[in-house]
Amino acid sequence: MPLNTKANLGDADGFYESLVGAHDGLTAAQSEALNARLILLLANHIGDLAVLRDAITKARQNIPK
């Protein structure tokens, strides 16, 4: 299964609101822990190492140095 990089969320704004809201009241360290847990949960759900490696590669592209 190739990595889908096209818009695929039925309610992108609702997801963004939920994601931002999950960080309300958290310290920076708690927010980082939340993000790490969320990434691991979603990676487990995807379950395809090739897709996950492709996502990592794409996410690292164009990161300012």
N, C-alpha and C. Protein backbone atom coordinates (compact mmCIF):
# COMPACT_ATOMS: atom_id res chain seq x y z
N MET A 1 0.85 -1.17 0.00
CA MET A 1 0.00 0.00 0.00
C MET A 1 0.90 1.24 0.00
N PRO A 2 0.75 2.11 -0.98
CA PRO A 2 1.57 3.34 -1.00
C PRO A 2 1.01 4.37 -0.02
N LEU A 3 1.88 5.27 0.38
CA LEU A 3 1.47 6.35 1.28
C LEU A 3 0.53 7.30 0.56
N ASN A 4 -0.62 7.56 1.13
CA ASN A 4 -1.59 8.49 0.56
C ASN A 4 -1.27 9.89 1.10
N THR A 5 -0.86 10.79 0.21
CA THR A 5 -0.54 12.16 0.63
C THR A 5 -1.60 13.17 0.16
N LYS A 6 -2.67 12.67 -0.43
CA LYS A 6 -3.75 13.56 -0.85
C LYS A 6 -4.73 13.75 0.33
N ALA A 7 -5.44 14.85 0.32
CA ALA A 7 -6.42 15.12 1.37
C ALA A 7 -7.35 13.91 1.52
N ASN A 8 -7.48 13.41 2.74
CA ASN A 8 -8.23 12.17 2.95
C ASN A 8 -9.10 12.22 4.20
N LEU A 9 -9.11 13.33 4.90
CA LEU A 9 -9.92 13.46 6.12
C LEU A 9 -11.30 14.00 5.77
N GLY A 10 -12.33 13.33 6.27
CA GLY A 10 -13.68 13.80 6.02
C GLY A 10 -13.96 15.14 6.68
N ASP A 11 -13.32 15.36 7.81
CA ASP A 11 -13.51 16.61 8.56
C ASP A 11 -12.15 17.07 9.09
N ALA A 12 -11.34 17.61 8.19
CA ALA A 12 -9.98 18.04 8.55
C ALA A 12 -10.01 19.10 9.65
N ASP A 13 -10.95 20.03 9.56
CA ASP A 13 -11.04 21.08 10.57
C ASP A 13 -11.40 20.50 11.94
N GLY A 14 -12.29 19.54 11.95
CA GLY A 14 -12.67 18.89 13.20
C GLY A 14 -11.50 18.13 13.81
N PHE A 15 -10.71 17.45 12.96
CA PHE A 15 -9.53 16.75 13.46
C PHE A 15 -8.54 17.74 14.05
N TYR A 16 -8.28 18.83 13.32
CA TYR A 16 -7.33 19.83 13.81
C TYR A 16 -7.79 20.41 15.15
N GLU A 17 -9.07 20.69 15.26
CA GLU A 17 -9.61 21.22 16.52
C GLU A 17 -9.41 20.21 17.66
N SER A 18 -9.66 18.93 17.38
CA SER A 18 -9.47 17.89 18.40
C SER A 18 -8.01 17.76 18.79
N LEU A 19 -7.13 17.83 17.80
CA LEU A 19 -5.70 17.69 18.07
C LEU A 19 -5.19 18.86 18.91
N VAL A 20 -5.54 20.06 18.53
CA VAL A 20 -5.12 21.24 19.30
C VAL A 20 -5.74 21.20 20.70
N GLY A 21 -7.00 20.83 20.78
CA GLY A 21 -7.67 20.77 22.07
C GLY A 21 -7.07 19.74 23.01
N ALA A 22 -6.53 18.66 22.46
CA ALA A 22 -5.90 17.63 23.29
C ALA A 22 -4.67 18.16 24.01
N HIS A 23 -4.09 19.24 23.50
CA HIS A 23 -2.89 19.83 24.09
C HIS A 23 -3.20 20.92 25.11
N ASP A 24 -4.46 21.33 25.19
CA ASP A 24 -4.84 22.39 26.13
C ASP A 24 -4.47 22.01 27.56
N GLY A 25 -3.78 22.92 28.24
CA GLY A 25 -3.42 22.74 29.63
C GLY A 25 -2.22 21.85 29.88
N LEU A 26 -1.57 21.36 28.81
CA LEU A 26 -0.41 20.50 28.98
C LEU A 26 0.88 21.33 28.95
N THR A 27 1.88 20.85 29.65
CA THR A 27 3.20 21.45 29.55
C THR A 27 3.81 21.05 28.22
N ALA A 28 4.94 21.67 27.86
CA ALA A 28 5.63 21.30 26.62
C ALA A 28 6.01 19.82 26.64
N ALA A 29 6.50 19.34 27.78
CA ALA A 29 6.90 17.92 27.89
C ALA A 29 5.69 17.00 27.75
N GLN A 30 4.57 17.38 28.34
CA GLN A 30 3.36 16.57 28.22
C GLN A 30 2.84 16.56 26.79
N SER A 31 2.94 17.71 26.10
CA SER A 31 2.53 17.78 24.70
C SER A 31 3.39 16.89 23.82
N GLU A 32 4.70 16.88 24.10
CA GLU A 32 5.59 16.00 23.35
C GLU A 32 5.25 14.54 23.60
N ALA A 33 4.93 14.20 24.83
CA ALA A 33 4.55 12.82 25.16
C ALA A 33 3.24 12.45 24.46
N LEU A 34 2.29 13.36 24.44
CA LEU A 34 1.03 13.11 23.74
C LEU A 34 1.29 12.86 22.25
N ASN A 35 2.10 13.71 21.64
CA ASN A 35 2.42 13.53 20.22
C ASN A 35 3.08 12.19 19.97
N ALA A 36 4.03 11.81 20.82
CA ALA A 36 4.72 10.53 20.64
C ALA A 36 3.74 9.36 20.76
N ARG A 37 2.86 9.41 21.74
CA ARG A 37 1.87 8.34 21.91
C ARG A 37 0.93 8.26 20.72
N LEU A 38 0.50 9.43 20.24
CA LEU A 38 -0.40 9.47 19.09
C LEU A 38 0.27 8.89 17.85
N ILE A 39 1.53 9.25 17.63
CA ILE A 39 2.28 8.72 16.49
C ILE A 39 2.36 7.20 16.57
N LEU A 40 2.68 6.67 17.76
CA LEU A 40 2.81 5.22 17.91
C LEU A 40 1.47 4.51 17.73
N LEU A 41 0.40 5.08 18.23
CA LEU A 41 -0.92 4.49 18.03
C LEU A 41 -1.31 4.46 16.55
N LEU A 42 -1.07 5.57 15.85
CA LEU A 42 -1.41 5.62 14.43
C LEU A 42 -0.50 4.72 13.60
N ALA A 43 0.78 4.65 13.97
CA ALA A 43 1.71 3.75 13.26
C ALA A 43 1.26 2.30 13.44
N ASN A 44 0.84 1.94 14.63
CA ASN A 44 0.34 0.60 14.87
C ASN A 44 -0.91 0.33 14.03
N HIS A 45 -1.77 1.31 13.93
CA HIS A 45 -2.99 1.17 13.13
C HIS A 45 -2.65 0.96 11.65
N ILE A 46 -1.68 1.72 11.14
CA ILE A 46 -1.26 1.58 9.74
C ILE A 46 -0.62 0.22 9.53
N GLY A 47 0.34 -0.12 10.38
CA GLY A 47 0.91 -1.45 10.40
C GLY A 47 1.81 -1.85 9.24
N ASP A 48 2.06 -0.97 8.30
CA ASP A 48 2.88 -1.29 7.13
C ASP A 48 4.20 -0.52 7.22
N LEU A 49 5.30 -1.25 7.46
CA LEU A 49 6.59 -0.60 7.68
C LEU A 49 7.03 0.24 6.48
N ALA A 50 6.78 -0.22 5.26
CA ALA A 50 7.17 0.54 4.07
C ALA A 50 6.43 1.88 4.02
N VAL A 51 5.16 1.86 4.34
CA VAL A 51 4.37 3.11 4.35
C VAL A 51 4.88 4.04 5.44
N LEU A 52 5.18 3.48 6.60
CA LEU A 52 5.67 4.30 7.71
C LEU A 52 7.03 4.90 7.39
N ARG A 53 7.91 4.12 6.76
CA ARG A 53 9.22 4.67 6.38
C ARG A 53 9.06 5.77 5.34
N ASP A 54 8.15 5.59 4.40
CA ASP A 54 7.88 6.63 3.40
C ASP A 54 7.37 7.90 4.07
N ALA A 55 6.49 7.74 5.05
CA ALA A 55 5.95 8.89 5.78
C ALA A 55 7.06 9.63 6.53
N ILE A 56 7.97 8.88 7.16
CA ILE A 56 9.09 9.50 7.87
C ILE A 56 9.95 10.30 6.90
N THR A 57 10.26 9.71 5.76
CA THR A 57 11.08 10.39 4.76
C THR A 57 10.41 11.67 4.28
N LYS A 58 9.11 11.58 3.96
CA LYS A 58 8.40 12.77 3.48
C LYS A 58 8.30 13.84 4.57
N ALA A 59 8.09 13.42 5.82
CA ALA A 59 7.97 14.39 6.92
C ALA A 59 9.28 15.13 7.16
N ARG A 60 10.41 14.50 6.87
CA ARG A 60 11.72 15.14 7.08
C ARG A 60 12.10 16.10 5.95
N GLN A 61 11.46 15.96 4.81
CA GLN A 61 11.78 16.82 3.67
C GLN A 61 11.46 18.27 3.98
N ASN A 62 12.33 19.13 3.54
CA ASN A 62 12.14 20.59 3.65
C ASN A 62 12.07 21.10 5.09
N ILE A 63 12.65 20.37 6.02
CA ILE A 63 12.74 20.86 7.40
C ILE A 63 13.85 21.93 7.42
N PRO A 64 13.55 23.12 7.89
CA PRO A 64 14.60 24.17 7.93
C PRO A 64 15.76 23.73 8.81
N LYS A 65 16.97 24.07 8.39
CA LYS A 65 18.15 23.71 9.16
C LYS A 65 18.60 24.86 10.02
